[in-house]
PDB file of all heavy atoms in Angstrom:
ATOM      1  N   GLY A   1     -19.566  15.810 -40.939  1.00  0.00           N
ATOM      2  CA  GLY A   1     -18.874  16.663 -40.065  1.00  0.00           C
ATOM      3  C   GLY A   1     -18.264  15.921 -38.868  1.00  0.00           C
ATOM      4  O   GLY A   1     -17.127  16.183 -38.357  1.00  0.00           O
ATOM      5  N   ALA A   2     -18.955  14.919 -38.241  1.00  0.00           N
ATOM      6  CA  ALA A   2     -18.415  14.095 -37.184  1.00  0.00           C
ATOM      7  C   ALA A   2     -17.194  13.322 -37.618  1.00  0.00           C
ATOM      8  O   ALA A   2     -16.251  13.203 -36.933  1.00  0.00           O
ATOM      9  CB  ALA A   2     -19.534  13.096 -36.747  1.00  0.00           C
ATOM     10  N   MET A   3     -17.244  12.804 -38.904  1.00  0.00           N
ATOM     11  CA  MET A   3     -16.082  12.057 -39.350  1.00  0.00           C
ATOM     12  C   MET A   3     -14.848  12.964 -39.565  1.00  0.00           C
ATOM     13  O   MET A   3     -13.738  12.689 -39.304  1.00  0.00           O
ATOM     14  CB  MET A   3     -16.439  11.409 -40.698  1.00  0.00           C
ATOM     15  CG  MET A   3     -17.453  10.249 -40.467  1.00  0.00           C
ATOM     16  SD  MET A   3     -17.900   9.406 -42.021  1.00  0.00           S
ATOM     17  CE  MET A   3     -16.401   8.481 -42.282  1.00  0.00           C
ATOM     18  N   LEU A   4     -15.152  14.166 -40.149  1.00  0.00           N
ATOM     19  CA  LEU A   4     -14.052  15.135 -40.360  1.00  0.00           C
ATOM     20  C   LEU A   4     -13.478  15.662 -39.071  1.00  0.00           C
ATOM     21  O   LEU A   4     -12.306  16.025 -39.012  1.00  0.00           O
ATOM     22  CB  LEU A   4     -14.575  16.344 -41.201  1.00  0.00           C
ATOM     23  CG  LEU A   4     -14.833  16.040 -42.666  1.00  0.00           C
ATOM     24  CD1 LEU A   4     -15.546  17.305 -43.316  1.00  0.00           C
ATOM     25  CD2 LEU A   4     -13.659  15.667 -43.440  1.00  0.00           C
ATOM     26  N   ARG A   5     -14.251  15.825 -38.105  1.00  0.00           N
ATOM     27  CA  ARG A   5     -13.805  16.448 -36.846  1.00  0.00           C
ATOM     28  C   ARG A   5     -12.570  15.730 -36.248  1.00  0.00           C
ATOM     29  O   ARG A   5     -11.646  16.452 -35.709  1.00  0.00           O
ATOM     30  CB  ARG A   5     -14.955  16.369 -35.777  1.00  0.00           C
ATOM     31  CG  ARG A   5     -14.627  16.996 -34.361  1.00  0.00           C
ATOM     32  CD  ARG A   5     -14.642  18.495 -34.516  1.00  0.00           C
ATOM     33  NE  ARG A   5     -14.480  19.118 -33.239  1.00  0.00           N
ATOM     34  CZ  ARG A   5     -13.260  19.508 -32.793  1.00  0.00           C
ATOM     35  NH1 ARG A   5     -12.190  19.383 -33.510  1.00  0.00           N
ATOM     36  NH2 ARG A   5     -13.200  20.083 -31.588  1.00  0.00           N
ATOM     37  N   ARG A   6     -12.496  14.423 -36.408  1.00  0.00           N
ATOM     38  CA  ARG A   6     -11.366  13.699 -35.847  1.00  0.00           C
ATOM     39  C   ARG A   6     -10.172  13.636 -36.824  1.00  0.00           C
ATOM     40  O   ARG A   6      -9.039  13.130 -36.479  1.00  0.00           O
ATOM     41  CB  ARG A   6     -11.786  12.238 -35.581  1.00  0.00           C
ATOM     42  CG  ARG A   6     -12.948  12.183 -34.612  1.00  0.00           C
ATOM     43  CD  ARG A   6     -13.115  10.683 -34.140  1.00  0.00           C
ATOM     44  NE  ARG A   6     -13.676   9.868 -35.222  1.00  0.00           N
ATOM     45  CZ  ARG A   6     -14.897   9.739 -35.644  1.00  0.00           C
ATOM     46  NH1 ARG A   6     -15.913  10.407 -34.998  1.00  0.00           N
ATOM     47  NH2 ARG A   6     -15.222   9.011 -36.599  1.00  0.00           N
ATOM     48  N   ARG A   7     -10.308  14.233 -38.046  1.00  0.00           N
ATOM     49  CA  ARG A   7      -9.298  14.062 -39.013  1.00  0.00           C
ATOM     50  C   ARG A   7      -8.720  15.393 -39.515  1.00  0.00           C
ATOM     51  O   ARG A   7      -7.716  15.475 -40.154  1.00  0.00           O
ATOM     52  CB  ARG A   7      -9.837  13.373 -40.292  1.00  0.00           C
ATOM     53  CG  ARG A   7     -10.246  11.915 -39.962  1.00  0.00           C
ATOM     54  CD  ARG A   7     -10.932  11.265 -41.070  1.00  0.00           C
ATOM     55  NE  ARG A   7     -11.156   9.841 -40.964  1.00  0.00           N
ATOM     56  CZ  ARG A   7     -12.095   9.281 -40.213  1.00  0.00           C
ATOM     57  NH1 ARG A   7     -12.963  10.023 -39.524  1.00  0.00           N
ATOM     58  NH2 ARG A   7     -12.172   7.930 -40.091  1.00  0.00           N
ATOM     59  N   LEU A   8      -9.366  16.525 -39.124  1.00  0.00           N
ATOM     60  CA  LEU A   8      -8.890  17.833 -39.601  1.00  0.00           C
ATOM     61  C   LEU A   8      -7.870  18.452 -38.612  1.00  0.00           C
ATOM     62  O   LEU A   8      -8.083  18.330 -37.423  1.00  0.00           O
ATOM     63  CB  LEU A   8      -9.994  18.787 -39.768  1.00  0.00           C
ATOM     64  CG  LEU A   8     -11.068  18.406 -40.865  1.00  0.00           C
ATOM     65  CD1 LEU A   8     -12.110  19.451 -40.980  1.00  0.00           C
ATOM     66  CD2 LEU A   8     -10.446  18.165 -42.189  1.00  0.00           C
ATOM     67  N   PRO A   9      -6.889  19.209 -39.119  1.00  0.00           N
ATOM     68  CA  PRO A   9      -6.107  20.092 -38.201  1.00  0.00           C
ATOM     69  C   PRO A   9      -6.984  21.014 -37.434  1.00  0.00           C
ATOM     70  O   PRO A   9      -8.052  21.342 -37.869  1.00  0.00           O
ATOM     71  CB  PRO A   9      -5.099  20.730 -39.130  1.00  0.00           C
ATOM     72  CG  PRO A   9      -5.127  19.951 -40.421  1.00  0.00           C
ATOM     73  CD  PRO A   9      -6.504  19.387 -40.500  1.00  0.00           C
ATOM     74  N   ALA A  10      -6.499  21.486 -36.291  1.00  0.00           N
ATOM     75  CA  ALA A  10      -7.298  22.382 -35.444  1.00  0.00           C
ATOM     76  C   ALA A  10      -7.718  23.652 -36.188  1.00  0.00           C
ATOM     77  O   ALA A  10      -8.722  24.229 -35.895  1.00  0.00           O
ATOM     78  CB  ALA A  10      -6.472  22.700 -34.203  1.00  0.00           C
ATOM     79  N   ASP A  11      -6.926  24.132 -37.122  1.00  0.00           N
ATOM     80  CA  ASP A  11      -7.216  25.451 -37.735  1.00  0.00           C
ATOM     81  C   ASP A  11      -7.914  25.258 -39.056  1.00  0.00           C
ATOM     82  O   ASP A  11      -8.095  26.202 -39.882  1.00  0.00           O
ATOM     83  CB  ASP A  11      -5.957  26.237 -38.018  1.00  0.00           C
ATOM     84  CG  ASP A  11      -4.928  25.515 -38.818  1.00  0.00           C
ATOM     85  OD1 ASP A  11      -5.211  24.320 -39.007  1.00  0.00           O
ATOM     86  OD2 ASP A  11      -4.003  26.164 -39.293  1.00  0.00           O
ATOM     87  N   THR A  12      -8.461  24.082 -39.391  1.00  0.00           N
ATOM     88  CA  THR A  12      -9.141  23.878 -40.651  1.00  0.00           C
ATOM     89  C   THR A  12     -10.605  23.497 -40.441  1.00  0.00           C
ATOM     90  O   THR A  12     -10.964  22.830 -39.440  1.00  0.00           O
ATOM     91  CB  THR A  12      -8.458  22.679 -41.326  1.00  0.00           C
ATOM     92  OG1 THR A  12      -7.104  22.965 -41.611  1.00  0.00           O
ATOM     93  CG2 THR A  12      -9.133  22.345 -42.694  1.00  0.00           C
ATOM     94  N   PHE A  13     -11.463  23.990 -41.292  1.00  0.00           N
ATOM     95  CA  PHE A  13     -12.897  23.695 -41.405  1.00  0.00           C
ATOM     96  C   PHE A  13     -13.376  23.622 -42.791  1.00  0.00           C
ATOM     97  O   PHE A  13     -12.584  24.044 -43.683  1.00  0.00           O
ATOM     98  CB  PHE A  13     -13.628  24.659 -40.502  1.00  0.00           C
ATOM     99  CG  PHE A  13     -13.522  26.044 -40.968  1.00  0.00           C
ATOM    100  CD1 PHE A  13     -14.361  26.551 -41.895  1.00  0.00           C
ATOM    101  CD2 PHE A  13     -12.529  26.899 -40.437  1.00  0.00           C
ATOM    102  CE1 PHE A  13     -14.207  27.866 -42.376  1.00  0.00           C
ATOM    103  CE2 PHE A  13     -12.403  28.222 -40.888  1.00  0.00           C
ATOM    104  CZ  PHE A  13     -13.221  28.719 -41.795  1.00  0.00           C
ATOM    105  N   VAL A  14     -14.585  23.120 -43.018  1.00  0.00           N
ATOM    106  CA  VAL A  14     -15.117  23.010 -44.311  1.00  0.00           C
ATOM    107  C   VAL A  14     -16.523  23.580 -44.353  1.00  0.00           C
ATOM    108  O   VAL A  14     -17.424  23.107 -43.546  1.00  0.00           O
ATOM    109  CB  VAL A  14     -15.154  21.568 -44.799  1.00  0.00           C
ATOM    110  CG1 VAL A  14     -15.621  21.430 -46.233  1.00  0.00           C
ATOM    111  CG2 VAL A  14     -13.771  20.873 -44.602  1.00  0.00           C
ATOM    112  N   THR A  15     -16.784  24.538 -45.224  1.00  0.00           N
ATOM    113  CA  THR A  15     -18.187  24.960 -45.380  1.00  0.00           C
ATOM    114  C   THR A  15     -18.794  24.057 -46.453  1.00  0.00           C
ATOM    115  O   THR A  15     -18.117  23.617 -47.346  1.00  0.00           O
ATOM    116  CB  THR A  15     -18.281  26.361 -45.820  1.00  0.00           C
ATOM    117  OG1 THR A  15     -17.689  26.560 -47.170  1.00  0.00           O
ATOM    118  CG2 THR A  15     -17.478  27.324 -44.906  1.00  0.00           C
ATOM    119  N   ALA A  16     -20.145  23.922 -46.318  1.00  0.00           N
ATOM    120  CA  ALA A  16     -20.837  23.059 -47.330  1.00  0.00           C
ATOM    121  C   ALA A  16     -22.293  23.340 -47.405  1.00  0.00           C
ATOM    122  O   ALA A  16     -22.902  23.584 -46.319  1.00  0.00           O
ATOM    123  CB  ALA A  16     -20.596  21.596 -47.003  1.00  0.00           C
ATOM    124  N   PHE A  17     -22.843  23.280 -48.585  1.00  0.00           N
ATOM    125  CA  PHE A  17     -24.256  23.323 -48.826  1.00  0.00           C
ATOM    126  C   PHE A  17     -24.605  22.014 -49.513  1.00  0.00           C
ATOM    127  O   PHE A  17     -23.968  21.644 -50.493  1.00  0.00           O
ATOM    128  CB  PHE A  17     -24.720  24.492 -49.742  1.00  0.00           C
ATOM    129  CG  PHE A  17     -26.053  24.463 -50.166  1.00  0.00           C
ATOM    130  CD1 PHE A  17     -27.118  25.050 -49.268  1.00  0.00           C
ATOM    131  CD2 PHE A  17     -26.499  23.901 -51.365  1.00  0.00           C
ATOM    132  CE1 PHE A  17     -28.412  25.078 -49.684  1.00  0.00           C
ATOM    133  CE2 PHE A  17     -27.835  23.910 -51.666  1.00  0.00           C
ATOM    134  CZ  PHE A  17     -28.734  24.460 -50.900  1.00  0.00           C
ATOM    135  N   MET A  18     -25.679  21.300 -49.027  1.00  0.00           N
ATOM    136  CA  MET A  18     -26.106  20.058 -49.593  1.00  0.00           C
ATOM    137  C   MET A  18     -27.521  20.101 -49.846  1.00  0.00           C
ATOM    138  O   MET A  18     -28.376  20.552 -49.051  1.00  0.00           O
ATOM    139  CB  MET A  18     -25.723  18.838 -48.663  1.00  0.00           C
ATOM    140  CG  MET A  18     -26.348  17.526 -49.252  1.00  0.00           C
ATOM    141  SD  MET A  18     -25.758  16.069 -48.376  1.00  0.00           S
ATOM    142  CE  MET A  18     -24.235  15.729 -49.218  1.00  0.00           C
ATOM    143  N   ALA A  19     -27.994  19.634 -51.060  1.00  0.00           N
ATOM    144  CA  ALA A  19     -29.442  19.586 -51.338  1.00  0.00           C
ATOM    145  C   ALA A  19     -29.706  18.183 -52.037  1.00  0.00           C
ATOM    146  O   ALA A  19     -28.881  17.644 -52.681  1.00  0.00           O
ATOM    147  CB  ALA A  19     -29.807  20.721 -52.311  1.00  0.00           C
ATOM    148  N   VAL A  20     -30.949  17.767 -51.811  1.00  0.00           N
ATOM    149  CA  VAL A  20     -31.389  16.514 -52.475  1.00  0.00           C
ATOM    150  C   VAL A  20     -32.672  16.873 -53.210  1.00  0.00           C
ATOM    151  O   VAL A  20     -33.711  17.474 -52.656  1.00  0.00           O
ATOM    152  CB  VAL A  20     -31.794  15.453 -51.451  1.00  0.00           C
ATOM    153  CG1 VAL A  20     -32.332  14.163 -52.028  1.00  0.00           C
ATOM    154  CG2 VAL A  20     -30.461  15.020 -50.610  1.00  0.00           C
ATOM    155  N   LEU A  21     -32.727  16.578 -54.487  1.00  0.00           N
ATOM    156  CA  LEU A  21     -33.867  16.921 -55.378  1.00  0.00           C
ATOM    157  C   LEU A  21     -34.590  15.638 -55.731  1.00  0.00           C
ATOM    158  O   LEU A  21     -34.028  14.647 -56.212  1.00  0.00           O
ATOM    159  CB  LEU A  21     -33.380  17.613 -56.666  1.00  0.00           C
ATOM    160  CG  LEU A  21     -34.434  18.000 -57.634  1.00  0.00           C
ATOM    161  CD1 LEU A  21     -35.355  19.054 -57.027  1.00  0.00           C
ATOM    162  CD2 LEU A  21     -33.729  18.583 -58.904  1.00  0.00           C
ATOM    163  N   ARG A  22     -35.917  15.596 -55.434  1.00  0.00           N
ATOM    164  CA  ARG A  22     -36.671  14.489 -55.783  1.00  0.00           C
ATOM    165  C   ARG A  22     -38.086  14.906 -56.121  1.00  0.00           C
ATOM    166  O   ARG A  22     -38.771  15.467 -55.202  1.00  0.00           O
ATOM    167  CB  ARG A  22     -36.704  13.440 -54.554  1.00  0.00           C
ATOM    168  CG  ARG A  22     -37.483  12.180 -54.849  1.00  0.00           C
ATOM    169  CD  ARG A  22     -37.346  11.239 -53.726  1.00  0.00           C
ATOM    170  NE  ARG A  22     -38.007   9.866 -54.047  1.00  0.00           N
ATOM    171  CZ  ARG A  22     -38.107   8.893 -53.219  1.00  0.00           C
ATOM    172  NH1 ARG A  22     -37.576   9.050 -51.995  1.00  0.00           N
ATOM    173  NH2 ARG A  22     -38.615   7.699 -53.569  1.00  0.00           N
ATOM    174  N   GLU A  23     -38.569  14.592 -57.211  1.00  0.00           N
ATOM    175  CA  GLU A  23     -39.949  14.828 -57.654  1.00  0.00           C
ATOM    176  C   GLU A  23     -40.437  16.200 -57.343  1.00  0.00           C
ATOM    177  O   GLU A  23     -41.523  16.388 -56.801  1.00  0.00           O
ATOM    178  CB  GLU A  23     -40.930  13.747 -56.927  1.00  0.00           C
ATOM    179  CG  GLU A  23     -40.594  12.340 -57.292  1.00  0.00           C
ATOM    180  CD  GLU A  23     -41.482  11.360 -56.594  1.00  0.00           C
ATOM    181  OE1 GLU A  23     -42.213  11.818 -55.730  1.00  0.00           O
ATOM    182  OE2 GLU A  23     -41.443  10.112 -56.975  1.00  0.00           O
ATOM    183  N   GLY A  24     -39.604  17.172 -57.734  1.00  0.00           N
ATOM    184  CA  GLY A  24     -39.982  18.598 -57.633  1.00  0.00           C
ATOM    185  C   GLY A  24     -39.707  19.233 -56.295  1.00  0.00           C
ATOM    186  O   GLY A  24     -39.928  20.461 -56.064  1.00  0.00           O
ATOM    187  N   GLU A  25     -39.359  18.401 -55.298  1.00  0.00           N
ATOM    188  CA  GLU A  25     -39.003  18.976 -53.988  1.00  0.00           C
ATOM    189  C   GLU A  25     -37.481  19.080 -53.754  1.00  0.00           C
ATOM    190  O   GLU A  25     -36.880  18.038 -53.920  1.00  0.00           O
ATOM    191  CB  GLU A  25     -39.709  18.138 -52.847  1.00  0.00           C
ATOM    192  CG  GLU A  25     -39.414  18.756 -51.433  1.00  0.00           C
ATOM    193  CD  GLU A  25     -39.957  17.839 -50.374  1.00  0.00           C
ATOM    194  OE1 GLU A  25     -39.428  16.686 -50.190  1.00  0.00           O
ATOM    195  OE2 GLU A  25     -40.842  18.320 -49.634  1.00  0.00           O
ATOM    196  N   LEU A  26     -37.008  20.135 -53.306  1.00  0.00           N
ATOM    197  CA  LEU A  26     -35.606  20.370 -52.956  1.00  0.00           C
ATOM    198  C   LEU A  26     -35.512  20.443 -51.431  1.00  0.00           C
ATOM    199  O   LEU A  26     -36.029  21.351 -50.782  1.00  0.00           O
ATOM    200  CB  LEU A  26     -35.088  21.624 -53.574  1.00  0.00           C
ATOM    201  CG  LEU A  26     -33.613  21.784 -53.409  1.00  0.00           C
ATOM    202  CD1 LEU A  26     -32.836  20.972 -54.490  1.00  0.00           C
ATOM    203  CD2 LEU A  26     -33.216  23.264 -53.557  1.00  0.00           C
ATOM    204  N   ARG A  27     -34.845  19.462 -50.843  1.00  0.00           N
ATOM    205  CA  ARG A  27     -34.537  19.441 -49.375  1.00  0.00           C
ATOM    206  C   ARG A  27     -33.048  19.834 -49.230  1.00  0.00           C
ATOM    207  O   ARG A  27     -32.196  19.287 -49.909  1.00  0.00           O
ATOM    208  CB  ARG A  27     -34.812  18.097 -48.756  1.00  0.00           C
ATOM    209  CG  ARG A  27     -36.237  17.691 -48.919  1.00  0.00           C
ATOM    210  CD  ARG A  27     -36.588  16.470 -47.961  1.00  0.00           C
ATOM    211  NE  ARG A  27     -36.531  16.849 -46.617  1.00  0.00           N
ATOM    212  CZ  ARG A  27     -37.624  17.492 -46.005  1.00  0.00           C
ATOM    213  NH1 ARG A  27     -38.760  17.872 -46.635  1.00  0.00           N
ATOM    214  NH2 ARG A  27     -37.527  17.842 -44.716  1.00  0.00           N
ATOM    215  N   TYR A  28     -32.799  20.716 -48.322  1.00  0.00           N
ATOM    216  CA  TYR A  28     -31.417  21.172 -48.331  1.00  0.00           C
ATOM    217  C   TYR A  28     -31.025  21.593 -46.810  1.00  0.00           C
ATOM    218  O   TYR A  28     -31.859  21.865 -45.985  1.00  0.00           O
ATOM    219  CB  TYR A  28     -31.251  22.502 -49.147  1.00  0.00           C
ATOM    220  CG  TYR A  28     -32.189  23.658 -48.733  1.00  0.00           C
ATOM    221  CD1 TYR A  28     -31.678  24.625 -47.851  1.00  0.00           C
ATOM    222  CD2 TYR A  28     -33.439  23.740 -49.301  1.00  0.00           C
ATOM    223  CE1 TYR A  28     -32.575  25.692 -47.541  1.00  0.00           C
ATOM    224  CE2 TYR A  28     -34.254  24.820 -48.891  1.00  0.00           C
ATOM    225  CZ  TYR A  28     -33.800  25.765 -47.997  1.00  0.00           C
ATOM    226  OH  TYR A  28     -34.605  26.809 -47.638  1.00  0.00           O
ATOM    227  N   SER A  29     -29.699  21.600 -46.619  1.00  0.00           N
ATOM    228  CA  SER A  29     -29.082  22.076 -45.359  1.00  0.00           C
ATOM    229  C   SER A  29     -27.845  22.734 -45.644  1.00  0.00           C
ATOM    230  O   SER A  29     -27.186  22.605 -46.818  1.00  0.00           O
ATOM    231  CB  SER A  29     -28.780  20.809 -44.424  1.00  0.00           C
ATOM    232  OG  SER A  29     -29.978  20.251 -44.091  1.00  0.00           O
ATOM    233  N   ASN A  30     -27.340  23.668 -44.729  1.00  0.00           N
ATOM    234  CA  ASN A  30     -26.121  24.478 -44.984  1.00  0.00           C
ATOM    235  C   ASN A  30     -25.252  24.360 -43.743  1.00  0.00           C
ATOM    236  O   ASN A  30     -25.705  24.539 -42.580  1.00  0.00           O
ATOM    237  CB  ASN A  30     -26.612  25.901 -45.242  1.00  0.00           C
ATOM    238  CG  ASN A  30     -25.464  26.693 -45.882  1.00  0.00           C
ATOM    239  OD1 ASN A  30     -24.288  26.392 -45.671  1.00  0.00           O
ATOM    240  ND2 ASN A  30     -25.876  27.620 -46.673  1.00  0.00           N
ATOM    241  N   ALA A  31     -23.967  24.108 -44.046  1.00  0.00           N
ATOM    242  CA  ALA A  31     -22.978  24.089 -43.016  1.00  0.00           C
ATOM    243  C   ALA A  31     -21.960  25.317 -43.187  1.00  0.00           C
ATOM    244  O   ALA A  31     -20.846  25.097 -43.644  1.00  0.00           O
ATOM    245  CB  ALA A  31     -22.191  22.797 -43.049  1.00  0.00           C
ATOM    246  N   GLY A  32     -22.504  26.454 -43.031  1.00  0.00           N
ATOM    247  CA  GLY A  32     -21.620  27.718 -42.968  1.00  0.00           C
ATOM    248  C   GLY A  32     -21.280  28.219 -44.432  1.00  0.00           C
ATOM    249  O   GLY A  32     -20.388  28.999 -44.534  1.00  0.00           O
ATOM    250  N   HIS A  33     -21.905  27.699 -45.408  1.00  0.00           N
ATOM    251  CA  HIS A  33     -21.469  28.090 -46.803  1.00  0.00           C
ATOM    252  C   HIS A  33     -22.405  29.268 -47.296  1.00  0.00           C
ATOM    253  O   HIS A  33     -23.510  29.503 -46.727  1.00  0.00           O
ATOM    254  CB  HIS A  33     -21.647  26.926 -47.793  1.00  0.00           C
ATOM    255  CG  HIS A  33     -20.917  27.137 -49.105  1.00  0.00           C
ATOM    256  ND1 HIS A  33     -19.577  27.255 -49.202  1.00  0.00           N
ATOM    257  CD2 HIS A  33     -21.443  27.310 -50.319  1.00  0.00           C
ATOM    258  CE1 HIS A  33     -19.275  27.460 -50.358  1.00  0.00           C
ATOM    259  NE2 HIS A  33     -20.261  27.492 -51.080  1.00  0.00           N
ATOM    260  N   LEU A  34     -22.004  29.933 -48.317  1.00  0.00           N
ATOM    261  CA  LEU A  34     -22.787  31.009 -48.985  1.00  0.00           C
ATOM    262  C   LEU A  34     -24.150  30.412 -49.434  1.00  0.00           C
ATOM    263  O   LEU A  34     -24.070  29.325 -50.079  1.00  0.00           O
ATOM    264  CB  LEU A  34     -22.009  31.718 -50.044  1.00  0.00           C
ATOM    265  CG  LEU A  34     -20.871  32.422 -49.689  1.00  0.00           C
ATOM    266  CD1 LEU A  34     -19.949  32.669 -50.977  1.00  0.00           C
ATOM    267  CD2 LEU A  34     -21.088  33.628 -49.023  1.00  0.00           C
ATOM    268  N   PRO A  35     -25.270  31.004 -49.163  1.00  0.00           N
ATOM    269  CA  PRO A  35     -26.518  30.459 -49.578  1.00  0.00           C
ATOM    270  C   PRO A  35     -26.631  30.583 -51.092  1.00  0.00           C
ATOM    271  O   PRO A  35     -26.398  31.687 -51.632  1.00  0.00           O
ATOM    272  CB  PRO A  35     -27.547  31.327 -48.858  1.00  0.00           C
ATOM    273  CG  PRO A  35     -26.883  32.621 -48.567  1.00  0.00           C
ATOM    274  CD  PRO A  35     -25.462  32.285 -48.372  1.00  0.00           C
ATOM    275  N   PRO A  36     -27.145  29.538 -51.709  1.00  0.00           N
ATOM    276  CA  PRO A  36     -27.380  29.587 -53.175  1.00  0.00           C
ATOM    277  C   PRO A  36     -28.581  30.552 -53.439  1.00  0.00           C
ATOM    278  O   PRO A  36     -29.216  31.033 -52.550  1.00  0.00           O
ATOM    279  CB  PRO A  36     -27.810  28.142 -53.556  1.00  0.00           C
ATOM    280  CG  PRO A  36     -27.189  27.296 -52.439  1.00  0.00           C
ATOM    281  CD  PRO A  36     -27.313  28.163 -51.279  1.00  0.00           C
ATOM    282  N   LEU A  37     -28.747  30.912 -54.688  1.00  0.00           N
ATOM    283  CA  LEU A  37     -29.835  31.798 -55.133  1.00  0.00           C
ATOM    284  C   LEU A  37     -30.877  30.923 -55.829  1.00  0.00           C
ATOM    285  O   LEU A  37     -30.512  30.087 -56.661  1.00  0.00           O
ATOM    286  CB  LEU A  37     -29.371  32.934 -56.047  1.00  0.00           C
ATOM    287  CG  LEU A  37     -28.273  33.805 -55.458  1.00  0.00           C
ATOM    288  CD1 LEU A  37     -27.754  34.837 -56.497  1.00  0.00           C
ATOM    289  CD2 LEU A  37     -28.816  34.499 -54.270  1.00  0.00           C
ATOM    290  N   LEU A  38     -32.180  31.260 -55.572  1.00  0.00           N
ATOM    291  CA  LEU A  38     -33.233  30.647 -56.234  1.00  0.00           C
ATOM    292  C   LEU A  38     -33.907  31.700 -57.124  1.00  0.00           C
ATOM    293  O   LEU A  38     -34.359  32.735 -56.550  1.00  0.00           O
ATOM    294  CB  LEU A  38     -34.180  29.994 -55.239  1.00  0.00           C
ATOM    295  CG  LEU A  38     -35.507  29.449 -55.865  1.00  0.00           C
ATOM    296  CD1 LEU A  38     -35.147  28.233 -56.769  1.00  0.00           C
ATOM    297  CD2 LEU A  38     -36.536  29.056 -54.841  1.00  0.00           C
ATOM    298  N   MET A  39     -33.913  31.448 -58.357  1.00  0.00           N
ATOM    299  CA  MET A  39     -34.515  32.331 -59.379  1.00  0.00           C
ATOM    300  C   MET A  39     -35.760  31.780 -59.886  1.00  0.00           C
ATOM    301  O   MET A  39     -35.766  30.775 -60.623  1.00  0.00           O
ATOM    302  CB  MET A  39     -33.555  32.647 -60.488  1.00  0.00           C
ATOM    303  CG  MET A  39     -32.187  33.103 -60.062  1.00  0.00           C
ATOM    304  SD  MET A  39     -31.007  33.434 -61.374  1.00  0.00           S
ATOM    305  CE  MET A  39     -29.474  33.591 -60.398  1.00  0.00           C
ATOM    306  N   ARG A  40     -36.963  32.291 -59.554  1.00  0.00           N
ATOM    307  CA  ARG A  40     -38.195  31.784 -59.903  1.00  0.00           C
ATOM    308  C   ARG A  40     -38.474  32.183 -61.382  1.00  0.00           C
ATOM    309  O   ARG A  40     -37.993  33.181 -61.824  1.00  0.00           O
ATOM    310  CB  ARG A  40     -39.316  32.249 -59.062  1.00  0.00           C
ATOM    311  CG  ARG A  40     -39.286  31.760 -57.536  1.00  0.00           C
ATOM    312  CD  ARG A  40     -39.523  30.286 -57.417  1.00  0.00           C
ATOM    313  NE  ARG A  40     -39.604  29.870 -56.111  1.00  0.00           N
ATOM    314  CZ  ARG A  40     -39.858  28.615 -55.734  1.00  0.00           C
ATOM    315  NH1 ARG A  40     -39.889  27.697 -56.626  1.00  0.00           N
ATOM    316  NH2 ARG A  40     -39.945  28.261 -54.395  1.00  0.00           N
ATOM    317  N   ALA A  41     -39.322  31.310 -61.958  1.00  0.00           N
ATOM    318  CA  ALA A  41     -39.633  31.528 -63.409  1.00  0.00           C
ATOM    319  C   ALA A  41     -40.354  32.880 -63.590  1.00  0.00           C
ATOM    320  O   ALA A  41     -40.152  33.577 -64.682  1.00  0.00           O
ATOM    321  CB  ALA A  41     -40.471  30.390 -63.915  1.00  0.00           C
TER     322      ALA A  41
END
């Protein structure tokens, strides 16, 4: 986001969801995007 801030037009933004999966653990953060769904077994 810090890198994009200096490069985007004033009326442009980007939503994003990012997750890292490692050994059964999902770590995640959200930048204004629609939340994913988790469907348990």
